[in-house]
Amino acid sequence: MCLAIPGKVVELRGLIAIVDYGGVRREVRVDFVPDVKIGDYVIVHTGFAIEKMDEKAAKRSIEAWDEVLEGISDEQ
């Protein structure tokens, strides 16, 4: 099973984007996603952006991830 996480592009440096995941920022390669711009939401897997997504879908996905992570922390 693959897990791909959505995040927001906040900076671009050539083929490297800085992607924000709710306050945590990581470098992500954007080789496979054409025309990435600051403010875009991308799905990231193993350090590579694999798809752009619209803001509404991204926010729904982020909310779902938040629920999963909250459930995991409640179990511990």
PDB file of N, CA and C in Angstrom:
ATOM      1  N   MET A   1       0.841  -1.177   0.000  1.00  0.00           N
ATOM      2  CA  MET A   1       0.000   0.000   0.000  1.00  0.00           C
ATOM      3  C   MET A   1       0.885   1.238   0.000  1.00  0.00           C
ATOM      4  N   CYS A   2       0.498   2.220  -0.793  1.00  0.00           N
ATOM      5  CA  CYS A   2       1.224   3.486  -0.861  1.00  0.00           C
ATOM      6  C   CYS A   2       0.479   4.542  -0.058  1.00  0.00           C
ATOM      7  N   LEU A   3       1.228   5.373   0.599  1.00  0.00           N
ATOM      8  CA  LEU A   3       0.643   6.518   1.282  1.00  0.00           C
ATOM      9  C   LEU A   3       1.164   7.777   0.615  1.00  0.00           C
ATOM     10  N   ALA A   4       0.272   8.595   0.145  1.00  0.00           N
ATOM     11  CA  ALA A   4       0.644   9.858  -0.485  1.00  0.00           C
ATOM     12  C   ALA A   4      -0.011  10.980   0.310  1.00  0.00           C
ATOM     13  N   ILE A   5       0.781  11.972   0.644  1.00  0.00           N
ATOM     14  CA  ILE A   5       0.341  13.034   1.531  1.00  0.00           C
ATOM     15  C   ILE A   5       0.182  14.342   0.758  1.00  0.00           C
ATOM     16  N   PRO A   6      -0.930  15.058   0.939  1.00  0.00           N
ATOM     17  CA  PRO A   6      -1.082  16.356   0.279  1.00  0.00           C
ATOM     18  C   PRO A   6      -0.389  17.463   1.069  1.00  0.00           C
ATOM     19  N   GLY A   7       0.149  18.430   0.345  1.00  0.00           N
ATOM     20  CA  GLY A   7       0.762  19.592   0.977  1.00  0.00           C
ATOM     21  C   GLY A   7       0.700  20.779   0.038  1.00  0.00           C
ATOM     22  N   LYS A   8       0.982  21.954   0.583  1.00  0.00           N
ATOM     23  CA  LYS A   8       0.896  23.197  -0.182  1.00  0.00           C
ATOM     24  C   LYS A   8       2.291  23.690  -0.540  1.00  0.00           C
ATOM     25  N   VAL A   9       2.495  24.015  -1.811  1.00  0.00           N
ATOM     26  CA  VAL A   9       3.775  24.543  -2.281  1.00  0.00           C
ATOM     27  C   VAL A   9       3.903  25.984  -1.796  1.00  0.00           C
ATOM     28  N   VAL A  10       4.966  26.256  -1.034  1.00  0.00           N
ATOM     29  CA  VAL A  10       5.171  27.607  -0.507  1.00  0.00           C
ATOM     30  C   VAL A  10       6.408  28.282  -1.089  1.00  0.00           C
ATOM     31  N   GLU A  11       7.243  27.502  -1.777  1.00  0.00           N
ATOM     32  CA  GLU A  11       8.458  28.059  -2.376  1.00  0.00           C
ATOM     33  C   GLU A  11       8.915  27.135  -3.500  1.00  0.00           C
ATOM     34  N   LEU A  12       9.521  27.710  -4.526  1.00  0.00           N
ATOM     35  CA  LEU A  12      10.069  26.918  -5.635  1.00  0.00           C
ATOM     36  C   LEU A  12      11.517  27.300  -5.875  1.00  0.00           C
ATOM     37  N   ARG A  13      12.352  26.284  -6.088  1.00  0.00           N
ATOM     38  CA  ARG A  13      13.759  26.453  -6.444  1.00  0.00           C
ATOM     39  C   ARG A  13      14.066  25.487  -7.581  1.00  0.00           C
ATOM     40  N   GLY A  14      13.750  25.889  -8.780  1.00  0.00           N
ATOM     41  CA  GLY A  14      13.941  24.988  -9.916  1.00  0.00           C
ATOM     42  C   GLY A  14      12.995  23.815  -9.810  1.00  0.00           C
ATOM     43  N   LEU A  15      13.558  22.596  -9.778  1.00  0.00           N
ATOM     44  CA  LEU A  15      12.736  21.386  -9.680  1.00  0.00           C
ATOM     45  C   LEU A  15      12.503  20.944  -8.240  1.00  0.00           C
ATOM     46  N   ILE A  16      12.838  21.812  -7.301  1.00  0.00           N
ATOM     47  CA  ILE A  16      12.599  21.509  -5.891  1.00  0.00           C
ATOM     48  C   ILE A  16      11.578  22.503  -5.349  1.00  0.00           C
ATOM     49  N   ALA A  17      10.562  21.979  -4.699  1.00  0.00           N
ATOM     50  CA  ALA A  17       9.553  22.816  -4.048  1.00  0.00           C
ATOM     51  C   ALA A  17       9.669  22.627  -2.545  1.00  0.00           C
ATOM     52  N   ILE A  18       9.382  23.685  -1.824  1.00  0.00           N
ATOM     53  CA  ILE A  18       9.206  23.566  -0.384  1.00  0.00           C
ATOM     54  C   ILE A  18       7.702  23.416  -0.177  1.00  0.00           C
ATOM     55  N   VAL A  19       7.332  22.290   0.438  1.00  0.00           N
ATOM     56  CA  VAL A  19       5.922  21.959   0.619  1.00  0.00           C
ATOM     57  C   VAL A  19       5.602  21.989   2.111  1.00  0.00           C
ATOM     58  N   ASP A  20       4.504  22.658   2.438  1.00  0.00           N
ATOM     59  CA  ASP A  20       4.071  22.797   3.823  1.00  0.00           C
ATOM     60  C   ASP A  20       2.989  21.766   4.124  1.00  0.00           C
ATOM     61  N   TYR A  21       3.237  21.008   5.185  1.00  0.00           N
ATOM     62  CA  TYR A  21       2.274  20.012   5.672  1.00  0.00           C
ATOM     63  C   TYR A  21       1.788  20.464   7.045  1.00  0.00           C
ATOM     64  N   GLY A  22       0.943  21.473   7.091  1.00  0.00           N
ATOM     65  CA  GLY A  22       0.412  21.939   8.370  1.00  0.00           C
ATOM     66  C   GLY A  22       1.471  22.471   9.315  1.00  0.00           C
ATOM     67  N   GLY A  23       2.442  23.189   8.786  1.00  0.00           N
ATOM     68  CA  GLY A  23       3.500  23.780   9.607  1.00  0.00           C
ATOM     69  C   GLY A  23       4.837  23.076   9.489  1.00  0.00           C
ATOM     70  N   VAL A  24       4.851  21.864   9.000  1.00  0.00           N
ATOM     71  CA  VAL A  24       6.099  21.135   8.756  1.00  0.00           C
ATOM     72  C   VAL A  24       6.440  21.297   7.281  1.00  0.00           C
ATOM     73  N   ARG A  25       7.649  21.778   7.003  1.00  0.00           N
ATOM     74  CA  ARG A  25       8.045  22.016   5.612  1.00  0.00           C
ATOM     75  C   ARG A  25       9.141  21.045   5.198  1.00  0.00           C
ATOM     76  N   ARG A  26       8.997  20.553   3.976  1.00  0.00           N
ATOM     77  CA  ARG A  26       9.959  19.597   3.420  1.00  0.00           C
ATOM     78  C   ARG A  26      10.268  19.950   1.978  1.00  0.00           C
ATOM     79  N   GLU A  27      11.481  19.570   1.549  1.00  0.00           N
ATOM     80  CA  GLU A  27      11.838  19.695   0.137  1.00  0.00           C
ATOM     81  C   GLU A  27      11.226  18.534  -0.626  1.00  0.00           C
ATOM     82  N   VAL A  28      10.664  18.843  -1.789  1.00  0.00           N
ATOM     83  CA  VAL A  28       9.990  17.843  -2.617  1.00  0.00           C
ATOM     84  C   VAL A  28      10.416  18.060  -4.058  1.00  0.00           C
ATOM     85  N   ARG A  29      10.722  16.999  -4.763  1.00  0.00           N
ATOM     86  CA  ARG A  29      11.025  17.088  -6.197  1.00  0.00           C
ATOM     87  C   ARG A  29       9.718  17.224  -6.965  1.00  0.00           C
ATOM     88  N   VAL A  30       9.728  18.093  -7.986  1.00  0.00           N
ATOM     89  CA  VAL A  30       8.517  18.313  -8.782  1.00  0.00           C
ATOM     90  C   VAL A  30       8.733  17.945 -10.251  1.00  0.00           C
ATOM     91  N   ASP A  31       9.690  17.075 -10.520  1.00  0.00           N
ATOM     92  CA  ASP A  31      10.021  16.663 -11.886  1.00  0.00           C
ATOM     93  C   ASP A  31       8.824  16.115 -12.658  1.00  0.00           C
ATOM     94  N   PHE A  32       7.929  15.404 -11.967  1.00  0.00           N
ATOM     95  CA  PHE A  32       6.851  14.678 -12.637  1.00  0.00           C
ATOM     96  C   PHE A  32       5.546  15.465 -12.746  1.00  0.00           C
ATOM     97  N   VAL A  33       5.518  16.673 -12.200  1.00  0.00           N
ATOM     98  CA  VAL A  33       4.292  17.475 -12.208  1.00  0.00           C
ATOM     99  C   VAL A  33       4.577  18.799 -12.914  1.00  0.00           C
ATOM    100  N   PRO A  34       4.079  18.948 -14.132  1.00  0.00           N
ATOM    101  CA  PRO A  34       4.369  20.171 -14.887  1.00  0.00           C
ATOM    102  C   PRO A  34       3.630  21.389 -14.320  1.00  0.00           C
ATOM    103  N   ASP A  35       4.247  22.534 -14.494  1.00  0.00           N
ATOM    104  CA  ASP A  35       3.616  23.821 -14.168  1.00  0.00           C
ATOM    105  C   ASP A  35       3.205  23.979 -12.710  1.00  0.00           C
ATOM    106  N   VAL A  36       3.997  23.461 -11.789  1.00  0.00           N
ATOM    107  CA  VAL A  36       3.711  23.670 -10.369  1.00  0.00           C
ATOM    108  C   VAL A  36       3.997  25.127 -10.028  1.00  0.00           C
ATOM    109  N   LYS A  37       3.094  25.729  -9.263  1.00  0.00           N
ATOM    110  CA  LYS A  37       3.239  27.126  -8.858  1.00  0.00           C
ATOM    111  C   LYS A  37       3.099  27.242  -7.340  1.00  0.00           C
ATOM    112  N   ILE A  38       3.641  28.326  -6.798  1.00  0.00           N
ATOM    113  CA  ILE A  38       3.453  28.603  -5.382  1.00  0.00           C
ATOM    114  C   ILE A  38       1.950  28.725  -5.122  1.00  0.00           C
ATOM    115  N   GLY A  39       1.499  28.066  -4.072  1.00  0.00           N
ATOM    116  CA  GLY A  39       0.077  28.060  -3.728  1.00  0.00           C
ATOM    117  C   GLY A  39      -0.647  26.807  -4.181  1.00  0.00           C
ATOM    118  N   ASP A  40      -0.037  26.041  -5.106  1.00  0.00           N
ATOM    119  CA  ASP A  40      -0.639  24.781  -5.549  1.00  0.00           C
ATOM    120  C   ASP A  40      -0.574  23.744  -4.431  1.00  0.00           C
ATOM    121  N   TYR A  41      -1.525  22.833  -4.454  1.00  0.00           N
ATOM    122  CA  TYR A  41      -1.479  21.664  -3.581  1.00  0.00           C
ATOM    123  C   TYR A  41      -1.013  20.482  -4.413  1.00  0.00           C
ATOM    124  N   VAL A  42      -0.118  19.688  -3.838  1.00  0.00           N
ATOM    125  CA  VAL A  42       0.403  18.515  -4.533  1.00  0.00           C
ATOM    126  C   VAL A  42       0.310  17.306  -3.615  1.00  0.00           C
ATOM    127  N   ILE A  43       0.197  16.145  -4.237  1.00  0.00           N
ATOM    128  CA  ILE A  43       0.265  14.884  -3.506  1.00  0.00           C
ATOM    129  C   ILE A  43       1.704  14.405  -3.616  1.00  0.00           C
ATOM    130  N   VAL A  44       2.283  14.047  -2.477  1.00  0.00           N
ATOM    131  CA  VAL A  44       3.697  13.687  -2.423  1.00  0.00           C
ATOM    132  C   VAL A  44       3.845  12.248  -1.948  1.00  0.00           C
ATOM    133  N   HIS A  45       4.704  11.520  -2.647  1.00  0.00           N
ATOM    134  CA  HIS A  45       5.043  10.144  -2.258  1.00  0.00           C
ATOM    135  C   HIS A  45       6.551   9.986  -2.377  1.00  0.00           C
ATOM    136  N   THR A  46       7.177   9.547  -1.323  1.00  0.00           N
ATOM    137  CA  THR A  46       8.625   9.313  -1.245  1.00  0.00           C
ATOM    138  C   THR A  46       9.445  10.499  -1.748  1.00  0.00           C
ATOM    139  N   GLY A  47       9.001  11.702  -1.401  1.00  0.00           N
ATOM    140  CA  GLY A  47       9.768  12.896  -1.732  1.00  0.00           C
ATOM    141  C   GLY A  47       9.530  13.481  -3.107  1.00  0.00           C
ATOM    142  N   PHE A  48       8.606  12.895  -3.860  1.00  0.00           N
ATOM    143  CA  PHE A  48       8.288  13.385  -5.203  1.00  0.00           C
ATOM    144  C   PHE A  48       6.821  13.784  -5.270  1.00  0.00           C
ATOM    145  N   ALA A  49       6.557  14.974  -5.833  1.00  0.00           N
ATOM    146  CA  ALA A  49       5.178  15.351  -6.130  1.00  0.00           C
ATOM    147  C   ALA A  49       4.722  14.470  -7.285  1.00  0.00           C
ATOM    148  N   ILE A  50       3.565  13.835  -7.125  1.00  0.00           N
ATOM    149  CA  ILE A  50       3.089  12.931  -8.172  1.00  0.00           C
ATOM    150  C   ILE A  50       1.816  13.432  -8.840  1.00  0.00           C
ATOM    151  N   GLU A  51       1.185  14.461  -8.248  1.00  0.00           N
ATOM    152  CA  GLU A  51      -0.058  14.972  -8.824  1.00  0.00           C
ATOM    153  C   GLU A  51      -0.413  16.297  -8.161  1.00  0.00           C
ATOM    154  N   LYS A  52      -0.988  17.216  -8.954  1.00  0.00           N
ATOM    155  CA  LYS A  52      -1.566  18.430  -8.375  1.00  0.00           C
ATOM    156  C   LYS A  52      -3.016  18.129  -8.025  1.00  0.00           C
ATOM    157  N   MET A  53      -3.530  18.831  -7.024  1.00  0.00           N
ATOM    158  CA  MET A  53      -4.939  18.679  -6.688  1.00  0.00           C
ATOM    159  C   MET A  53      -5.525  20.044  -6.360  1.00  0.00           C
ATOM    160  N   ASP A  54      -6.833  20.166  -6.548  1.00  0.00           N
ATOM    161  CA  ASP A  54      -7.447  21.459  -6.260  1.00  0.00           C
ATOM    162  C   ASP A  54      -7.535  21.662  -4.749  1.00  0.00           C
ATOM    163  N   GLU A  55      -7.674  22.917  -4.360  1.00  0.00           N
ATOM    164  CA  GLU A  55      -7.638  23.278  -2.943  1.00  0.00           C
ATOM    165  C   GLU A  55      -8.728  22.581  -2.129  1.00  0.00           C
ATOM    166  N   LYS A  56      -9.922  22.492  -2.675  1.00  0.00           N
ATOM    167  CA  LYS A  56     -11.034  21.863  -1.950  1.00  0.00           C
ATOM    168  C   LYS A  56     -10.738  20.388  -1.658  1.00  0.00           C
ATOM    169  N   ALA A  57     -10.278  19.659  -2.664  1.00  0.00           N
ATOM    170  CA  ALA A  57      -9.938  18.240  -2.479  1.00  0.00           C
ATOM    171  C   ALA A  57      -8.771  18.088  -1.512  1.00  0.00           C
ATOM    172  N   ALA A  58      -7.791  18.983  -1.620  1.00  0.00           N
ATOM    173  CA  ALA A  58      -6.627  18.924  -0.733  1.00  0.00           C
ATOM    174  C   ALA A  58      -7.054  19.111   0.720  1.00  0.00           C
ATOM    175  N   LYS A  59      -7.913  20.074   0.963  1.00  0.00           N
ATOM    176  CA  LYS A  59      -8.349  20.329   2.340  1.00  0.00           C
ATOM    177  C   LYS A  59      -9.153  19.160   2.898  1.00  0.00           C
ATOM    178  N   ARG A  60      -9.978  18.524   2.060  1.00  0.00           N
ATOM    179  CA  ARG A  60     -10.715  17.326   2.507  1.00  0.00           C
ATOM    180  C   ARG A  60      -9.737  16.208   2.864  1.00  0.00           C
ATOM    181  N   SER A  61      -8.728  16.027   2.032  1.00  0.00           N
ATOM    182  CA  SER A  61      -7.737  14.982   2.279  1.00  0.00           C
ATOM    183  C   SER A  61      -6.941  15.267   3.552  1.00  0.00           C
ATOM    184  N   ILE A  62      -6.564  16.517   3.745  1.00  0.00           N
ATOM    185  CA  ILE A  62      -5.819  16.902   4.951  1.00  0.00           C
ATOM    186  C   ILE A  62      -6.671  16.660   6.193  1.00  0.00           C
ATOM    187  N   GLU A  63      -7.951  16.992   6.133  1.00  0.00           N
ATOM    188  CA  GLU A  63      -8.854  16.732   7.262  1.00  0.00           C
ATOM    189  C   GLU A  63      -8.938  15.237   7.560  1.00  0.00           C
ATOM    190  N   ALA A  64      -8.997  14.417   6.523  1.00  0.00           N
ATOM    191  CA  ALA A  64      -9.045  12.963   6.716  1.00  0.00           C
ATOM    192  C   ALA A  64      -7.762  12.467   7.377  1.00  0.00           C
ATOM    193  N   TRP A  65      -6.612  12.971   6.930  1.00  0.00           N
ATOM    194  CA  TRP A  65      -5.336  12.596   7.546  1.00  0.00           C
ATOM    195  C   TRP A  65      -5.301  13.019   9.010  1.00  0.00           C
ATOM    196  N   ASP A  66      -5.802  14.215   9.305  1.00  0.00           N
ATOM    197  CA  ASP A  66      -5.837  14.683  10.694  1.00  0.00           C
ATOM    198  C   ASP A  66      -6.654  13.736  11.564  1.00  0.00           C
ATOM    199  N   GLU A  67      -7.786  13.256  11.047  1.00  0.00           N
ATOM    200  CA  GLU A  67      -8.619  12.318  11.799  1.00  0.00           C
ATOM    201  C   GLU A  67      -7.889  10.997  12.041  1.00  0.00           C
ATOM    202  N   VAL A  68      -7.200  10.506  11.029  1.00  0.00           N
ATOM    203  CA  VAL A  68      -6.438   9.258  11.178  1.00  0.00           C
ATOM    204  C   VAL A  68      -5.363   9.423  12.241  1.00  0.00           C
ATOM    205  N   LEU A  69      -4.602  10.504  12.146  1.00  0.00           N
ATOM    206  CA  LEU A  69      -3.515  10.728  13.101  1.00  0.00           C
ATOM    207  C   LEU A  69      -4.046  10.937  14.514  1.00  0.00           C
ATOM    208  N   GLU A  70      -5.182  11.602  14.631  1.00  0.00           N
ATOM    209  CA  GLU A  70      -5.799  11.790  15.941  1.00  0.00           C
ATOM    210  C   GLU A  70      -6.225  10.446  16.525  1.00  0.00           C
ATOM    211  N   GLY A  71      -6.789   9.583  15.694  1.00  0.00           N
ATOM    212  CA  GLY A  71      -7.197   8.257  16.140  1.00  0.00           C
ATOM    213  C   GLY A  71      -6.019   7.413  16.593  1.00  0.00           C
ATOM    214  N   ILE A  72      -4.910   7.531  15.892  1.00  0.00           N
ATOM    215  CA  ILE A  72      -3.706   6.783  16.271  1.00  0.00           C
ATOM    216  C   ILE A  72      -3.186   7.266  17.614  1.00  0.00           C
ATOM    217  N   SER A  73      -3.136   8.583  17.810  1.00  0.00           N
ATOM    218  CA  SER A  73      -2.607   9.108  19.073  1.00  0.00           C
ATOM    219  C   SER A  73      -3.544   8.790  20.239  1.00  0.00           C
ATOM    220  N   ASP A  74      -4.856   8.693  19.981  1.00  0.00           N
ATOM    221  CA  ASP A  74      -5.808   8.332  21.034  1.00  0.00           C
ATOM    222  C   ASP A  74      -5.608   6.896  21.496  1.00  0.00           C
ATOM    223  N   GLU A  75      -5.166   6.021  20.598  1.00  0.00           N
ATOM    224  CA  GLU A  75      -4.973   4.610  20.930  1.00  0.00           C
ATOM    225  C   GLU A  75      -3.725   4.385  21.771  1.00  0.00           C
ATOM    226  N   GLN A  76      -2.811   5.324  21.742  1.00  0.00           N
ATOM    227  CA  GLN A  76      -1.546   5.120  22.466  1.00  0.00           C
ATOM    228  C   GLN A  76      -1.642   5.642  23.826  1.00  0.00           C
TER     229      GLN A  76
END
